Amino acid sequence: MKQALNNPISRRALAAVAAATAIAGASLFGGTAAQARDYAYCLTSPGYGYPGDCNYASYRQCRAAASGRLADCIVNPRAAFREPRHRDYRTYGDPRW
C-alpha cells in the first residue's frame, strides 16, 4: 500500500476523490439556511416550554399533531401580537392605472 501512494498518479487520484467528496458534502450540508417563520399556531405541552412548538400553519394541523398526547394548541403570541404589515391603500376615486 505504501508503494502505491508513492506513485504521483495515485496521489492525484486520491486528492481528486477527496476534493470531490468535500464539494459533495458541502453542497449537501451547506445549503441555504432555513427561513425563520412564525407560524400561526403553537403546540403546547408540559415538556415544550412557552410558547411551545410553533410549526403549524392551521389550527387543524396543530390539533392533528396534538391528538393522543397531553398537548393543546394556542395562537402563536409572536405572530398574533406583532405589528401589522404596512399596506398602501388607494383612496376613493384614485385611478387604477
N, C-alpha and C. Protein backbone atom coordinates (compact mmCIF):
# COMPACT_ATOMS: atom_id res chain seq x y z
N MET A 1 0.83 -1.20 0.00
CA MET A 1 0.00 0.00 0.00
C MET A 1 0.86 1.25 0.00
N LYS A 2 1.98 1.21 0.74
CA LYS A 2 2.85 2.35 0.81
C LYS A 2 3.43 2.68 -0.56
N GLN A 3 3.75 1.64 -1.31
CA GLN A 3 4.32 1.84 -2.62
C GLN A 3 3.29 2.45 -3.58
N ALA A 4 2.03 2.09 -3.43
CA ALA A 4 1.00 2.61 -4.32
C ALA A 4 0.78 4.10 -4.10
N LEU A 5 0.93 4.59 -2.88
CA LEU A 5 0.73 6.01 -2.61
C LEU A 5 1.91 6.86 -3.03
N ASN A 6 3.08 6.24 -3.24
CA ASN A 6 4.24 6.99 -3.70
C ASN A 6 4.13 7.34 -5.17
N ASN A 7 3.27 6.68 -5.89
CA ASN A 7 3.07 6.96 -7.30
C ASN A 7 2.33 8.30 -7.43
N PRO A 8 2.83 9.25 -8.22
CA PRO A 8 2.18 10.56 -8.33
C PRO A 8 0.77 10.50 -8.90
N ILE A 9 0.50 9.52 -9.75
CA ILE A 9 -0.84 9.41 -10.32
C ILE A 9 -1.85 9.03 -9.25
N SER A 10 -1.50 8.09 -8.37
CA SER A 10 -2.45 7.71 -7.32
C SER A 10 -2.62 8.82 -6.29
N ARG A 11 -1.62 9.64 -6.08
CA ARG A 11 -1.79 10.78 -5.17
C ARG A 11 -2.77 11.78 -5.76
N ARG A 12 -2.65 12.01 -7.06
CA ARG A 12 -3.57 12.93 -7.72
C ARG A 12 -4.99 12.39 -7.69
N ALA A 13 -5.12 11.10 -7.93
CA ALA A 13 -6.45 10.49 -7.91
C ALA A 13 -7.06 10.58 -6.51
N LEU A 14 -6.23 10.32 -5.50
CA LEU A 14 -6.70 10.40 -4.12
C LEU A 14 -7.10 11.84 -3.77
N ALA A 15 -6.31 12.81 -4.23
CA ALA A 15 -6.63 14.21 -3.98
C ALA A 15 -7.92 14.61 -4.70
N ALA A 16 -8.10 14.11 -5.92
CA ALA A 16 -9.32 14.41 -6.67
C ALA A 16 -10.55 13.82 -6.00
N VAL A 17 -10.43 12.59 -5.50
CA VAL A 17 -11.55 11.95 -4.80
C VAL A 17 -11.85 12.71 -3.51
N ALA A 18 -10.82 13.13 -2.79
CA ALA A 18 -11.04 13.88 -1.55
C ALA A 18 -11.70 15.22 -1.83
N ALA A 19 -11.27 15.89 -2.90
CA ALA A 19 -11.88 17.18 -3.24
C ALA A 19 -13.33 17.00 -3.67
N ALA A 20 -13.61 15.97 -4.45
CA ALA A 20 -14.99 15.72 -4.89
C ALA A 20 -15.88 15.40 -3.70
N THR A 21 -15.36 14.63 -2.75
CA THR A 21 -16.12 14.30 -1.55
C THR A 21 -16.40 15.56 -0.72
N ALA A 22 -15.41 16.43 -0.60
CA ALA A 22 -15.60 17.66 0.16
C ALA A 22 -16.63 18.57 -0.50
N ILE A 23 -16.58 18.67 -1.82
CA ILE A 23 -17.55 19.52 -2.53
C ILE A 23 -18.95 18.95 -2.41
N ALA A 24 -19.07 17.63 -2.55
CA ALA A 24 -20.39 17.00 -2.42
C ALA A 24 -20.94 17.17 -1.00
N GLY A 25 -20.09 17.01 0.00
CA GLY A 25 -20.53 17.20 1.39
C GLY A 25 -20.95 18.63 1.66
N ALA A 26 -20.21 19.58 1.11
CA ALA A 26 -20.56 20.99 1.32
C ALA A 26 -21.88 21.33 0.65
N SER A 27 -22.12 20.76 -0.51
CA SER A 27 -23.38 21.07 -1.18
C SER A 27 -24.57 20.42 -0.49
N LEU A 28 -24.35 19.27 0.14
CA LEU A 28 -25.44 18.61 0.85
C LEU A 28 -25.77 19.30 2.16
N PHE A 29 -24.74 19.64 2.92
CA PHE A 29 -24.96 20.15 4.27
C PHE A 29 -24.80 21.66 4.38
N GLY A 30 -24.26 22.29 3.39
CA GLY A 30 -24.03 23.73 3.48
C GLY A 30 -24.98 24.53 2.64
N GLY A 31 -26.17 24.03 2.43
CA GLY A 31 -27.15 24.74 1.60
C GLY A 31 -27.63 26.00 2.27
N THR A 32 -28.67 26.56 1.75
CA THR A 32 -29.20 27.79 2.32
C THR A 32 -29.84 27.52 3.67
N ALA A 33 -29.78 28.50 4.50
CA ALA A 33 -30.37 28.36 5.83
C ALA A 33 -31.89 28.37 5.73
N ALA A 34 -32.52 27.69 6.65
CA ALA A 34 -33.99 27.66 6.66
C ALA A 34 -34.52 29.05 7.00
N GLN A 35 -35.59 29.42 6.39
CA GLN A 35 -36.18 30.72 6.64
C GLN A 35 -36.92 30.69 7.97
N ALA A 36 -36.60 31.63 8.82
CA ALA A 36 -37.29 31.71 10.10
C ALA A 36 -38.70 32.22 9.86
N ARG A 37 -39.67 31.51 10.38
CA ARG A 37 -41.07 31.87 10.18
C ARG A 37 -41.83 31.71 11.46
N ASP A 38 -42.73 32.60 11.70
CA ASP A 38 -43.62 32.47 12.84
C ASP A 38 -44.96 31.96 12.33
N TYR A 39 -45.21 30.69 12.55
CA TYR A 39 -46.47 30.11 12.13
C TYR A 39 -47.58 30.54 13.08
N ALA A 40 -48.81 30.35 12.67
CA ALA A 40 -49.95 30.91 13.40
C ALA A 40 -50.27 30.17 14.69
N TYR A 41 -49.95 28.87 14.78
CA TYR A 41 -50.37 28.08 15.95
C TYR A 41 -49.19 27.34 16.57
N CYS A 42 -49.28 27.19 17.89
CA CYS A 42 -48.23 26.51 18.65
C CYS A 42 -48.82 25.32 19.39
N LEU A 43 -48.10 24.24 19.39
CA LEU A 43 -48.46 23.05 20.16
C LEU A 43 -47.84 23.21 21.54
N THR A 44 -48.65 23.26 22.58
CA THR A 44 -48.14 23.43 23.93
C THR A 44 -48.30 22.13 24.70
N SER A 45 -47.31 21.86 25.51
CA SER A 45 -47.29 20.66 26.33
C SER A 45 -46.35 20.92 27.49
N PRO A 46 -46.47 20.18 28.58
CA PRO A 46 -45.58 20.43 29.71
C PRO A 46 -44.10 20.31 29.36
N GLY A 47 -43.74 19.54 28.36
CA GLY A 47 -42.34 19.36 28.02
C GLY A 47 -41.78 20.38 27.04
N TYR A 48 -42.61 21.23 26.45
CA TYR A 48 -42.14 22.14 25.42
C TYR A 48 -41.74 23.52 25.92
N GLY A 49 -42.26 23.96 27.03
CA GLY A 49 -42.00 25.32 27.47
C GLY A 49 -42.91 26.29 26.74
N TYR A 50 -42.75 27.60 27.02
CA TYR A 50 -43.63 28.59 26.42
C TYR A 50 -42.96 29.22 25.22
N PRO A 51 -43.57 29.44 24.13
CA PRO A 51 -44.94 29.16 23.75
C PRO A 51 -45.14 27.75 23.22
N GLY A 52 -44.11 26.97 23.04
CA GLY A 52 -44.26 25.60 22.56
C GLY A 52 -43.67 25.41 21.18
N ASP A 53 -44.17 24.41 20.49
CA ASP A 53 -43.70 24.07 19.15
C ASP A 53 -44.56 24.81 18.13
N CYS A 54 -44.06 25.91 17.61
CA CYS A 54 -44.85 26.79 16.73
C CYS A 54 -44.55 26.49 15.26
N ASN A 55 -44.91 25.32 14.81
CA ASN A 55 -44.65 24.91 13.43
C ASN A 55 -45.91 24.56 12.68
N TYR A 56 -47.04 25.17 13.02
CA TYR A 56 -48.31 24.78 12.42
C TYR A 56 -48.99 25.99 11.80
N ALA A 57 -49.31 25.88 10.51
CA ALA A 57 -49.94 26.98 9.79
C ALA A 57 -51.44 27.05 10.04
N SER A 58 -52.06 25.93 10.40
CA SER A 58 -53.50 25.94 10.64
C SER A 58 -53.81 25.27 11.98
N TYR A 59 -54.95 25.63 12.51
CA TYR A 59 -55.39 25.04 13.77
C TYR A 59 -55.63 23.54 13.60
N ARG A 60 -56.12 23.14 12.45
CA ARG A 60 -56.39 21.72 12.18
C ARG A 60 -55.09 20.91 12.18
N GLN A 61 -54.02 21.44 11.61
CA GLN A 61 -52.72 20.76 11.64
C GLN A 61 -52.24 20.58 13.07
N CYS A 62 -52.37 21.63 13.84
CA CYS A 62 -51.92 21.58 15.23
C CYS A 62 -52.72 20.56 16.03
N ARG A 63 -54.04 20.56 15.87
CA ARG A 63 -54.88 19.61 16.61
C ARG A 63 -54.57 18.17 16.20
N ALA A 64 -54.27 17.94 14.92
CA ALA A 64 -53.92 16.60 14.48
C ALA A 64 -52.62 16.14 15.13
N ALA A 65 -51.67 17.05 15.28
CA ALA A 65 -50.41 16.69 15.93
C ALA A 65 -50.59 16.50 17.43
N ALA A 66 -51.55 17.20 18.03
CA ALA A 66 -51.77 17.11 19.47
C ALA A 66 -52.61 15.90 19.86
N SER A 67 -53.32 15.30 18.91
CA SER A 67 -54.22 14.20 19.27
C SER A 67 -53.45 13.01 19.82
N GLY A 68 -53.97 12.47 20.89
CA GLY A 68 -53.34 11.32 21.53
C GLY A 68 -52.23 11.68 22.49
N ARG A 69 -51.95 12.94 22.67
CA ARG A 69 -50.90 13.38 23.59
C ARG A 69 -51.49 14.36 24.59
N LEU A 70 -50.75 14.59 25.64
CA LEU A 70 -51.13 15.61 26.61
C LEU A 70 -50.65 16.96 26.06
N ALA A 71 -51.39 17.48 25.09
CA ALA A 71 -50.98 18.70 24.42
C ALA A 71 -52.21 19.47 23.97
N ASP A 72 -52.01 20.76 23.74
CA ASP A 72 -53.09 21.62 23.28
C ASP A 72 -52.50 22.61 22.28
N CYS A 73 -53.36 23.34 21.59
CA CYS A 73 -52.93 24.31 20.59
C CYS A 73 -53.34 25.71 21.01
N ILE A 74 -52.43 26.65 20.84
CA ILE A 74 -52.72 28.06 21.13
C ILE A 74 -52.30 28.89 19.92
N VAL A 75 -52.79 30.12 19.88
CA VAL A 75 -52.36 31.05 18.85
C VAL A 75 -50.93 31.48 19.20
N ASN A 76 -50.07 31.51 18.21
CA ASN A 76 -48.67 31.89 18.42
C ASN A 76 -48.61 33.35 18.86
N PRO A 77 -48.11 33.62 20.07
CA PRO A 77 -48.07 35.01 20.54
C PRO A 77 -47.14 35.89 19.72
N ARG A 78 -46.09 35.33 19.13
CA ARG A 78 -45.19 36.14 18.30
C ARG A 78 -45.88 36.57 17.01
N ALA A 79 -46.76 35.73 16.49
CA ALA A 79 -47.46 36.06 15.25
C ALA A 79 -48.70 36.90 15.52
N ALA A 80 -49.37 36.66 16.63
CA ALA A 80 -50.64 37.34 16.90
C ALA A 80 -50.45 38.78 17.36
N PHE A 81 -49.38 39.06 18.08
CA PHE A 81 -49.23 40.37 18.69
C PHE A 81 -48.13 41.22 18.07
N ARG A 82 -47.65 40.85 16.90
CA ARG A 82 -46.67 41.71 16.24
C ARG A 82 -47.40 42.83 15.50
N GLU A 83 -46.64 43.85 15.13
CA GLU A 83 -47.26 44.97 14.42
C GLU A 83 -47.70 44.52 13.04
N PRO A 84 -48.86 44.97 12.61
CA PRO A 84 -49.33 44.57 11.28
C PRO A 84 -48.45 45.16 10.18
N ARG A 85 -48.43 44.48 9.05
CA ARG A 85 -47.67 44.97 7.91
C ARG A 85 -48.28 46.26 7.40
N HIS A 86 -47.44 47.16 6.95
CA HIS A 86 -47.93 48.42 6.39
C HIS A 86 -48.41 48.16 4.97
N ARG A 87 -49.61 48.60 4.68
CA ARG A 87 -50.16 48.46 3.33
C ARG A 87 -50.54 49.84 2.81
N ASP A 88 -50.22 50.07 1.59
CA ASP A 88 -50.61 51.32 0.94
C ASP A 88 -51.97 51.12 0.30
N TYR A 89 -52.97 51.76 0.87
CA TYR A 89 -54.31 51.66 0.32
C TYR A 89 -54.57 52.87 -0.58
N ARG A 90 -55.29 52.62 -1.64
CA ARG A 90 -55.70 53.72 -2.51
C ARG A 90 -56.88 54.42 -1.86
N THR A 91 -56.93 55.71 -2.03
CA THR A 91 -58.09 56.43 -1.54
C THR A 91 -59.19 56.34 -2.58
N TYR A 92 -60.39 56.61 -2.16
CA TYR A 92 -61.55 56.50 -3.06
C TYR A 92 -61.40 57.49 -4.21
N GLY A 93 -61.58 57.01 -5.43
CA GLY A 93 -61.53 57.87 -6.59
C GLY A 93 -60.19 57.90 -7.29
N ASP A 94 -59.15 57.27 -6.73
CA ASP A 94 -57.86 57.22 -7.42
C ASP A 94 -57.97 56.34 -8.65
N PRO A 95 -57.30 56.74 -9.71
CA PRO A 95 -57.33 55.88 -10.90
C PRO A 95 -56.61 54.56 -10.64
N ARG A 96 -57.06 53.51 -11.25
CA ARG A 96 -56.47 52.19 -11.04
C ARG A 96 -55.19 51.98 -11.84
N TRP A 97 -55.04 52.75 -12.95
CA TRP A 97 -53.85 52.52 -13.79
C TRP A 97 -52.95 53.69 -13.78
